[in-house]
Each structure stands twice: as C-alpha cells, then as structure tokens.
C-alpha cells in the first residue's frame, strides 16, 4: 500500500498515534534547520526556529480511527486561526504529508522535495516515494495531493484546519 491520496482516497493511519500534517515542501526547511539535531525538538521549538514567520506551518493530529479522510481538511480564513490550536496548518504547494511523530527525524534524513515532485508522467514520483518510505510501516506516513476538481475543501494553497 502506497498510502497516497491523489483523488481523495482515505489514508490508513495508526490509531492513538500523533502525526505531523505539513506541506511536503516545508519538510526541506526542517531538514536544513534540524539535520544536526539529535532527537526531535519540541513542536514549539520547531515552529520558532524553522518557521518564525508563520503561526501555522504544520498541524498535529492524533488519529482516533484507522482512516483519515480528505474531508477532514477544512479551508479557513487566516483570521479564523486560533492561537495555540495545533489543528491548523498552511500549505503553499497543496501537497501535504502526514508523518508519525516518532519517525520525522529519520524520514527527513533521506527526504528531498525535488525528487518527490520530479516525474514526467505523474503528479508525484511514486518510485521515489516508495523507496523513501519502504523502511516504515505503511500507516506511519501518507501523502495527500489537493484536488481542485473535487467538492472537498482541500483544493490547494491556503490555511486549513483538521477536524
């Protein structure tokens, strides 16, 4: 299982585990800033050191079901963001990753955004993705690509909330 949602397919997640929900491009910023760090810094430290200019660089989500549905992503106006509420995130690319908190640092060691989106025939390079995530369980990480032609709120760049 690839755990990729291109046409609003649900992702399979671990129940009662905490996930980062973050723009795939922003993972490069985390990699650049934290590659020499031993262990995962606290969320607030990541926000302040890697993303000092935005309040919503990533969301945190604890799954209470084994499936994550794209309909759980709701578009918000920036003035609707509630300070300190970790369910809000922003995206520039419309390609987001759901990453189990425990594997973030290990994942970013080998992560390269340009390789992920470098594909002649597809929206993402699925061969690169499969190789990148092969050492993890399929429920540890997933990708969601915004679909502008769907009736869901997740249609590209903007500020969103996980409900």
N, C-alpha and C. Protein backbone atom coordinates (compact mmCIF):
# COMPACT_ATOMS: atom_id res chain seq x y z
N UNK A 1 0.84 -1.19 0.00
CA UNK A 1 0.00 0.00 0.00
C UNK A 1 0.87 1.24 0.00
N UNK A 2 0.58 2.18 -0.88
CA UNK A 2 1.40 3.39 -1.01
C UNK A 2 0.98 4.48 -0.04
N UNK A 3 -0.25 4.45 0.45
CA UNK A 3 -0.78 5.47 1.36
C UNK A 3 -0.64 6.87 0.76
N UNK A 4 -1.12 6.98 -0.48
CA UNK A 4 -1.13 8.25 -1.20
C UNK A 4 -2.57 8.56 -1.60
N UNK A 5 -2.99 9.79 -1.40
CA UNK A 5 -4.32 10.22 -1.81
C UNK A 5 -4.18 11.29 -2.89
N UNK A 6 -4.49 10.90 -4.11
CA UNK A 6 -4.44 11.83 -5.24
C UNK A 6 -5.85 12.24 -5.65
N UNK A 7 -6.78 11.31 -5.51
CA UNK A 7 -8.18 11.57 -5.88
C UNK A 7 -9.10 11.40 -4.67
N UNK A 8 -8.68 11.96 -3.55
CA UNK A 8 -9.48 11.96 -2.32
C UNK A 8 -9.63 10.59 -1.66
N UNK A 9 -8.74 9.65 -1.95
CA UNK A 9 -8.78 8.37 -1.28
C UNK A 9 -8.38 8.57 0.19
N UNK A 10 -8.96 7.79 1.11
CA UNK A 10 -8.54 7.91 2.51
C UNK A 10 -7.15 7.32 2.72
N UNK A 11 -6.47 7.82 3.74
CA UNK A 11 -5.19 7.25 4.15
C UNK A 11 -5.42 6.34 5.34
N UNK A 12 -4.57 5.34 5.48
CA UNK A 12 -4.64 4.45 6.64
C UNK A 12 -3.60 4.92 7.65
N UNK A 13 -4.04 5.11 8.90
CA UNK A 13 -3.16 5.59 9.97
C UNK A 13 -3.21 4.66 11.17
N UNK A 14 -2.26 4.86 12.07
CA UNK A 14 -2.26 4.15 13.35
C UNK A 14 -3.21 4.85 14.31
N UNK A 15 -4.02 4.10 15.00
CA UNK A 15 -4.95 4.67 15.97
C UNK A 15 -4.17 5.10 17.22
N UNK A 16 -4.56 6.25 17.78
CA UNK A 16 -3.98 6.81 19.01
C UNK A 16 -2.51 7.18 18.87
N UNK A 17 -2.08 7.50 17.67
CA UNK A 17 -0.72 7.97 17.44
C UNK A 17 -0.78 9.41 16.94
N UNK A 18 0.28 10.14 17.20
CA UNK A 18 0.34 11.55 16.85
C UNK A 18 1.09 11.75 15.53
N UNK A 19 0.50 12.53 14.64
CA UNK A 19 1.06 12.80 13.32
C UNK A 19 1.28 14.29 13.11
N UNK A 20 2.35 14.60 12.39
CA UNK A 20 2.52 15.95 11.84
C UNK A 20 1.78 15.99 10.51
N UNK A 21 1.09 17.08 10.25
CA UNK A 21 0.50 17.32 8.94
C UNK A 21 1.16 18.59 8.43
N UNK A 22 1.93 18.44 7.34
CA UNK A 22 2.80 19.52 6.90
C UNK A 22 2.95 19.51 5.39
N UNK A 23 3.09 20.68 4.81
CA UNK A 23 3.37 20.82 3.39
C UNK A 23 4.67 20.06 3.09
N UNK A 24 4.65 19.26 2.03
CA UNK A 24 5.82 18.45 1.68
C UNK A 24 7.05 19.32 1.43
N UNK A 25 6.85 20.53 0.93
CA UNK A 25 7.96 21.44 0.70
C UNK A 25 8.61 21.87 2.02
N UNK A 26 7.80 22.07 3.05
CA UNK A 26 8.32 22.54 4.34
C UNK A 26 9.22 21.51 5.02
N UNK A 27 9.10 20.24 4.64
CA UNK A 27 9.99 19.23 5.22
C UNK A 27 11.45 19.53 4.89
N UNK A 28 11.68 20.13 3.74
CA UNK A 28 13.05 20.53 3.37
C UNK A 28 13.59 21.57 4.33
N UNK A 29 12.73 22.49 4.78
CA UNK A 29 13.15 23.50 5.75
C UNK A 29 13.51 22.85 7.08
N UNK A 30 12.71 21.89 7.50
CA UNK A 30 13.01 21.18 8.75
C UNK A 30 14.33 20.43 8.62
N UNK A 31 14.52 19.77 7.49
CA UNK A 31 15.75 19.02 7.27
C UNK A 31 16.96 19.95 7.34
N UNK A 32 16.89 21.07 6.66
CA UNK A 32 18.01 22.01 6.63
C UNK A 32 18.31 22.55 8.03
N UNK A 33 17.30 22.87 8.77
CA UNK A 33 17.45 23.51 10.07
C UNK A 33 17.81 22.53 11.19
N UNK A 34 17.31 21.29 11.10
CA UNK A 34 17.44 20.36 12.23
C UNK A 34 18.30 19.14 11.93
N UNK A 35 18.97 19.10 10.80
CA UNK A 35 19.73 17.90 10.43
C UNK A 35 20.84 17.56 11.41
N UNK A 36 21.37 18.55 12.10
CA UNK A 36 22.44 18.27 13.06
C UNK A 36 21.92 18.04 14.48
N UNK A 37 20.60 18.03 14.64
CA UNK A 37 19.99 17.86 15.95
C UNK A 37 19.86 16.38 16.29
N UNK A 38 20.17 16.05 17.52
CA UNK A 38 19.93 14.69 17.99
C UNK A 38 18.55 14.64 18.63
N UNK A 39 17.66 13.88 18.06
CA UNK A 39 16.32 13.78 18.60
C UNK A 39 15.41 14.87 18.06
N UNK A 40 14.15 14.69 18.31
CA UNK A 40 13.13 15.61 17.82
C UNK A 40 12.89 16.72 18.82
N UNK A 41 13.10 17.98 18.42
CA UNK A 41 12.79 19.09 19.32
C UNK A 41 11.29 19.19 19.57
N UNK A 42 10.93 19.91 20.59
CA UNK A 42 9.52 20.16 20.89
C UNK A 42 8.89 20.93 19.73
N UNK A 43 7.58 20.76 19.56
CA UNK A 43 6.87 21.41 18.46
C UNK A 43 7.09 22.92 18.44
N UNK A 44 7.05 23.54 19.61
CA UNK A 44 7.21 24.99 19.69
C UNK A 44 8.61 25.40 19.22
N UNK A 45 9.62 24.59 19.52
CA UNK A 45 10.98 24.88 19.07
C UNK A 45 11.07 24.78 17.55
N UNK A 46 10.41 23.81 16.97
CA UNK A 46 10.39 23.68 15.51
C UNK A 46 9.70 24.91 14.90
N UNK A 47 8.56 25.26 15.44
CA UNK A 47 7.83 26.43 14.93
C UNK A 47 8.69 27.69 15.00
N UNK A 48 9.33 27.92 16.13
CA UNK A 48 10.09 29.15 16.34
C UNK A 48 11.40 29.19 15.56
N UNK A 49 12.12 28.08 15.49
CA UNK A 49 13.43 28.11 14.83
C UNK A 49 13.35 27.90 13.32
N UNK A 50 12.42 27.06 12.87
CA UNK A 50 12.34 26.76 11.44
C UNK A 50 11.34 27.66 10.72
N UNK A 51 10.26 28.02 11.40
CA UNK A 51 9.17 28.77 10.78
C UNK A 51 8.82 30.02 11.59
N UNK A 52 9.74 30.95 11.76
CA UNK A 52 9.46 32.10 12.62
C UNK A 52 8.43 33.08 12.03
N UNK A 53 8.12 32.95 10.75
CA UNK A 53 7.25 33.94 10.10
C UNK A 53 5.82 33.46 9.86
N UNK A 54 5.48 32.29 10.36
CA UNK A 54 4.10 31.83 10.22
C UNK A 54 3.64 31.16 11.51
N UNK A 55 2.39 31.34 11.82
CA UNK A 55 1.81 30.72 13.01
C UNK A 55 1.34 29.30 12.75
N UNK A 56 1.20 28.93 11.49
CA UNK A 56 0.58 27.63 11.17
C UNK A 56 1.41 26.82 10.17
N UNK A 57 2.68 26.53 10.46
CA UNK A 57 3.48 25.78 9.50
C UNK A 57 3.09 24.30 9.41
N UNK A 58 2.55 23.76 10.50
CA UNK A 58 2.12 22.37 10.50
C UNK A 58 1.04 22.18 11.55
N UNK A 59 0.28 21.12 11.38
CA UNK A 59 -0.73 20.74 12.37
C UNK A 59 -0.27 19.47 13.06
N UNK A 60 -0.85 19.20 14.19
CA UNK A 60 -0.67 17.91 14.86
C UNK A 60 -2.04 17.24 14.89
N UNK A 61 -2.03 15.94 14.65
CA UNK A 61 -3.28 15.20 14.58
C UNK A 61 -3.09 13.86 15.27
N UNK A 62 -3.97 13.55 16.19
CA UNK A 62 -3.96 12.24 16.84
C UNK A 62 -5.15 11.47 16.31
N UNK A 63 -4.86 10.39 15.63
CA UNK A 63 -5.92 9.64 14.95
C UNK A 63 -6.72 8.80 15.95
N UNK A 64 -8.03 8.90 15.86
CA UNK A 64 -8.89 8.05 16.68
C UNK A 64 -9.59 6.99 15.83
N UNK A 65 -9.29 7.00 14.54
CA UNK A 65 -9.80 6.00 13.61
C UNK A 65 -8.64 5.53 12.73
N UNK A 66 -8.80 4.40 12.10
CA UNK A 66 -7.72 3.89 11.26
C UNK A 66 -7.67 4.55 9.89
N UNK A 67 -8.69 5.32 9.54
CA UNK A 67 -8.70 6.01 8.25
C UNK A 67 -8.74 7.52 8.45
N UNK A 68 -7.98 8.21 7.61
CA UNK A 68 -8.01 9.67 7.57
C UNK A 68 -8.63 10.06 6.24
N UNK A 69 -9.70 10.84 6.30
CA UNK A 69 -10.41 11.24 5.09
C UNK A 69 -10.06 12.68 4.72
N UNK A 70 -9.92 12.93 3.43
CA UNK A 70 -9.58 14.26 2.95
C UNK A 70 -10.66 15.27 3.37
N UNK A 71 -11.87 14.81 3.56
CA UNK A 71 -12.95 15.70 4.00
C UNK A 71 -12.71 16.25 5.41
N UNK A 72 -11.75 15.70 6.14
CA UNK A 72 -11.41 16.21 7.47
C UNK A 72 -10.58 17.49 7.38
N UNK A 73 -10.14 17.85 6.19
CA UNK A 73 -9.34 19.05 5.97
C UNK A 73 -10.29 20.17 5.54
N UNK A 74 -10.40 21.20 6.35
CA UNK A 74 -11.33 22.30 6.08
C UNK A 74 -10.57 23.60 5.84
N UNK A 75 -10.90 24.27 4.75
CA UNK A 75 -10.27 25.55 4.42
C UNK A 75 -10.74 26.63 5.39
N UNK A 76 -9.80 27.46 5.83
CA UNK A 76 -10.10 28.51 6.80
C UNK A 76 -9.53 29.83 6.30
N UNK A 77 -10.14 30.91 6.71
CA UNK A 77 -9.54 32.22 6.53
C UNK A 77 -8.48 32.37 7.61
N UNK A 78 -7.41 33.08 7.28
CA UNK A 78 -6.33 33.21 8.26
C UNK A 78 -6.81 33.85 9.56
N UNK A 79 -7.77 34.75 9.47
CA UNK A 79 -8.25 35.41 10.69
C UNK A 79 -9.10 34.48 11.57
N UNK A 80 -9.38 33.27 11.08
CA UNK A 80 -10.10 32.27 11.88
C UNK A 80 -9.17 31.37 12.69
N UNK A 81 -7.87 31.49 12.47
CA UNK A 81 -6.90 30.66 13.19
C UNK A 81 -6.95 31.00 14.67
N UNK A 82 -6.97 29.96 15.48
CA UNK A 82 -6.98 30.12 16.93
C UNK A 82 -5.56 29.90 17.43
N UNK A 83 -4.98 30.93 18.03
CA UNK A 83 -3.60 30.84 18.50
C UNK A 83 -3.46 29.69 19.49
N UNK A 84 -2.43 28.87 19.27
CA UNK A 84 -2.16 27.75 20.15
C UNK A 84 -2.91 26.48 19.80
N UNK A 85 -3.83 26.54 18.84
CA UNK A 85 -4.59 25.37 18.41
C UNK A 85 -3.78 24.64 17.34
N UNK A 86 -3.32 23.45 17.64
CA UNK A 86 -2.43 22.71 16.75
C UNK A 86 -3.14 22.04 15.59
N UNK A 87 -4.43 22.28 15.41
CA UNK A 87 -5.15 21.64 14.31
C UNK A 87 -5.09 22.45 13.01
N UNK A 88 -4.46 23.61 13.04
CA UNK A 88 -4.35 24.48 11.86
C UNK A 88 -2.99 24.28 11.18
N UNK A 89 -2.99 24.38 9.85
CA UNK A 89 -1.73 24.35 9.10
C UNK A 89 -1.90 25.16 7.82
N UNK A 90 -0.77 25.52 7.25
CA UNK A 90 -0.76 26.24 5.97
C UNK A 90 -0.02 25.40 4.95
N UNK A 91 -0.35 25.60 3.69
CA UNK A 91 0.36 24.93 2.62
C UNK A 91 0.54 25.90 1.45
N UNK A 92 1.68 25.82 0.82
CA UNK A 92 1.94 26.59 -0.39
C UNK A 92 1.74 25.73 -1.63
N UNK A 93 2.04 24.43 -1.51
CA UNK A 93 2.06 23.56 -2.68
C UNK A 93 0.79 22.74 -2.88
N UNK A 94 0.01 22.53 -1.82
CA UNK A 94 -1.15 21.65 -1.92
C UNK A 94 -0.78 20.18 -1.86
N UNK A 95 0.46 19.89 -1.53
CA UNK A 95 0.92 18.51 -1.32
C UNK A 95 1.33 18.40 0.14
N UNK A 96 0.57 17.64 0.92
CA UNK A 96 0.87 17.55 2.35
C UNK A 96 1.23 16.13 2.73
N UNK A 97 2.05 16.04 3.75
CA UNK A 97 2.46 14.75 4.30
C UNK A 97 1.89 14.60 5.70
N UNK A 98 1.43 13.40 6.01
CA UNK A 98 1.05 13.03 7.37
C UNK A 98 2.14 12.09 7.84
N UNK A 99 2.86 12.50 8.87
CA UNK A 99 4.05 11.76 9.31
C UNK A 99 3.93 11.44 10.78
N UNK A 100 4.05 10.18 11.11
CA UNK A 100 4.05 9.77 12.50
C UNK A 100 5.15 10.52 13.23
N UNK A 101 4.81 11.12 14.35
CA UNK A 101 5.76 11.95 15.09
C UNK A 101 7.08 11.21 15.36
N UNK A 102 7.00 9.94 15.67
CA UNK A 102 8.19 9.16 16.04
C UNK A 102 9.19 8.98 14.91
N UNK A 103 8.78 9.16 13.66
CA UNK A 103 9.69 8.90 12.54
C UNK A 103 10.15 10.15 11.81
N UNK A 104 9.71 11.33 12.23
CA UNK A 104 10.02 12.56 11.49
C UNK A 104 11.51 12.73 11.24
N UNK A 105 12.32 12.64 12.28
CA UNK A 105 13.76 12.89 12.12
C UNK A 105 14.41 11.85 11.22
N UNK A 106 14.00 10.60 11.33
CA UNK A 106 14.57 9.56 10.46
C UNK A 106 14.15 9.77 9.01
N UNK A 107 12.90 10.16 8.80
CA UNK A 107 12.41 10.38 7.44
C UNK A 107 13.16 11.51 6.74
N UNK A 108 13.36 12.62 7.43
CA UNK A 108 13.95 13.78 6.75
C UNK A 108 15.42 13.58 6.39
N UNK A 109 16.08 12.60 6.98
CA UNK A 109 17.48 12.33 6.62
C UNK A 109 17.62 12.04 5.13
N UNK A 110 16.67 11.30 4.57
CA UNK A 110 16.74 10.89 3.17
C UNK A 110 15.78 11.66 2.27
N UNK A 111 15.06 12.61 2.83
CA UNK A 111 14.00 13.30 2.11
C UNK A 111 14.54 14.38 1.18
N UNK A 112 13.96 14.46 -0.03
CA UNK A 112 14.28 15.51 -0.98
C UNK A 112 13.00 15.88 -1.74
N UNK A 113 12.52 17.08 -1.51
CA UNK A 113 11.27 17.52 -2.13
C UNK A 113 11.36 17.48 -3.65
N UNK A 114 12.46 17.93 -4.21
CA UNK A 114 12.60 17.96 -5.68
C UNK A 114 12.48 16.56 -6.27
N UNK A 115 13.05 15.57 -5.60
CA UNK A 115 12.92 14.19 -6.08
C UNK A 115 11.47 13.70 -6.00
N UNK A 116 10.76 14.14 -4.96
CA UNK A 116 9.37 13.72 -4.79
C UNK A 116 8.47 14.23 -5.91
N UNK A 117 8.69 15.44 -6.36
CA UNK A 117 7.81 16.02 -7.38
C UNK A 117 8.39 15.91 -8.79
N UNK A 118 9.53 15.27 -8.94
CA UNK A 118 10.17 15.12 -10.25
C UNK A 118 9.63 13.88 -10.95
N UNK A 119 8.62 14.06 -11.78
CA UNK A 119 8.04 12.96 -12.53
C UNK A 119 7.54 13.49 -13.87
N UNK A 120 7.86 12.77 -14.92
CA UNK A 120 7.43 13.18 -16.26
C UNK A 120 5.94 12.88 -16.49
N UNK A 121 5.47 11.78 -15.93
CA UNK A 121 4.13 11.30 -16.25
C UNK A 121 3.10 11.43 -15.14
N UNK A 122 3.55 11.59 -13.91
CA UNK A 122 2.64 11.59 -12.77
C UNK A 122 2.77 12.89 -11.99
N UNK A 123 1.86 13.10 -11.07
CA UNK A 123 1.89 14.30 -10.23
C UNK A 123 3.01 14.26 -9.21
N UNK A 124 3.34 13.05 -8.77
CA UNK A 124 4.49 12.86 -7.87
C UNK A 124 5.29 11.66 -8.36
N UNK A 125 6.53 11.58 -7.92
CA UNK A 125 7.40 10.48 -8.29
C UNK A 125 7.15 9.33 -7.31
N UNK A 126 6.23 8.45 -7.69
CA UNK A 126 5.83 7.37 -6.79
C UNK A 126 6.96 6.39 -6.51
N UNK A 127 7.86 6.19 -7.46
CA UNK A 127 9.00 5.28 -7.21
C UNK A 127 9.91 5.86 -6.13
N UNK A 128 10.16 7.15 -6.18
CA UNK A 128 10.96 7.79 -5.13
C UNK A 128 10.24 7.66 -3.79
N UNK A 129 8.95 7.94 -3.78
CA UNK A 129 8.17 7.87 -2.54
C UNK A 129 8.23 6.46 -1.94
N UNK A 130 8.01 5.45 -2.77
CA UNK A 130 8.02 4.07 -2.28
C UNK A 130 9.38 3.71 -1.69
N UNK A 131 10.45 4.14 -2.33
CA UNK A 131 11.79 3.87 -1.80
C UNK A 131 11.99 4.61 -0.47
N UNK A 132 11.58 5.87 -0.41
CA UNK A 132 11.75 6.68 0.80
C UNK A 132 11.04 6.07 2.00
N UNK A 133 9.83 5.59 1.80
CA UNK A 133 9.02 5.11 2.93
C UNK A 133 9.12 3.61 3.15
N UNK A 134 9.93 2.92 2.38
CA UNK A 134 9.99 1.46 2.46
C UNK A 134 10.43 0.93 3.83
N UNK A 135 11.19 1.70 4.59
CA UNK A 135 11.64 1.21 5.89
C UNK A 135 10.64 1.48 7.01
N UNK A 136 9.51 2.10 6.68
CA UNK A 136 8.48 2.41 7.66
C UNK A 136 7.24 1.56 7.40
N UNK A 137 6.38 1.46 8.39
CA UNK A 137 5.08 0.82 8.18
C UNK A 137 4.23 1.73 7.30
N UNK A 138 3.37 1.14 6.50
CA UNK A 138 2.57 1.95 5.57
C UNK A 138 1.66 2.93 6.30
N UNK A 139 1.30 2.63 7.54
CA UNK A 139 0.42 3.53 8.30
C UNK A 139 1.19 4.62 9.03
N UNK A 140 2.51 4.65 8.89
CA UNK A 140 3.33 5.67 9.57
C UNK A 140 3.38 6.99 8.82
N UNK A 141 3.09 6.95 7.53
CA UNK A 141 3.26 8.14 6.70
C UNK A 141 2.33 8.07 5.49
N UNK A 142 1.83 9.23 5.10
CA UNK A 142 0.98 9.29 3.93
C UNK A 142 1.11 10.64 3.24
N UNK A 143 0.67 10.69 2.00
CA UNK A 143 0.67 11.93 1.21
C UNK A 143 -0.74 12.23 0.75
N UNK A 144 -1.08 13.51 0.76
CA UNK A 144 -2.36 13.95 0.20
C UNK A 144 -2.06 15.08 -0.78
N UNK A 145 -2.53 14.92 -1.99
CA UNK A 145 -2.40 15.95 -3.01
C UNK A 145 -3.76 16.62 -3.18
N UNK A 146 -3.76 17.94 -3.09
CA UNK A 146 -5.01 18.69 -3.24
C UNK A 146 -5.63 18.40 -4.60
N UNK A 147 -6.95 18.38 -4.62
CA UNK A 147 -7.68 18.11 -5.85
C UNK A 147 -8.63 19.28 -6.10
N UNK A 148 -8.27 20.12 -7.05
CA UNK A 148 -9.06 21.32 -7.32
C UNK A 148 -10.41 20.99 -7.95
N UNK A 149 -10.55 19.79 -8.47
CA UNK A 149 -11.79 19.40 -9.14
C UNK A 149 -12.74 18.64 -8.23
N UNK A 150 -12.42 18.54 -6.96
CA UNK A 150 -13.29 17.81 -6.05
C UNK A 150 -14.21 18.77 -5.30
N UNK A 151 -15.11 18.21 -4.56
CA UNK A 151 -16.02 19.02 -3.76
C UNK A 151 -15.47 19.22 -2.34
N UNK A 152 -14.27 18.72 -2.08
CA UNK A 152 -13.65 18.89 -0.76
C UNK A 152 -13.06 20.28 -0.63
N UNK A 153 -12.84 20.69 0.61
CA UNK A 153 -12.22 21.99 0.88
C UNK A 153 -10.75 22.03 0.49
N UNK A 154 -10.06 20.88 0.53
CA UNK A 154 -8.62 20.87 0.28
C UNK A 154 -8.36 20.97 -1.22
N UNK A 155 -8.15 22.21 -1.67
CA UNK A 155 -8.04 22.46 -3.11
C UNK A 155 -6.75 23.16 -3.52
N UNK A 156 -5.78 23.24 -2.63
CA UNK A 156 -4.51 23.87 -2.99
C UNK A 156 -3.94 24.67 -1.85
N UNK A 157 -3.22 25.72 -2.18
CA UNK A 157 -2.55 26.51 -1.15
C UNK A 157 -3.58 27.21 -0.26
N UNK A 158 -3.16 27.49 0.97
CA UNK A 158 -4.05 28.19 1.89
C UNK A 158 -3.85 27.73 3.32
N UNK A 159 -4.76 28.16 4.17
CA UNK A 159 -4.75 27.78 5.58
C UNK A 159 -5.91 26.82 5.81
N UNK A 160 -5.63 25.75 6.54
CA UNK A 160 -6.61 24.69 6.74
C UNK A 160 -6.65 24.28 8.21
N UNK A 161 -7.72 23.57 8.54
CA UNK A 161 -7.87 23.01 9.88
C UNK A 161 -8.28 21.55 9.75
N UNK A 162 -7.70 20.71 10.58
CA UNK A 162 -8.07 19.31 10.63
C UNK A 162 -9.20 19.16 11.64
N UNK A 163 -10.30 18.55 11.22
CA UNK A 163 -11.42 18.35 12.14
C UNK A 163 -11.62 16.87 12.43
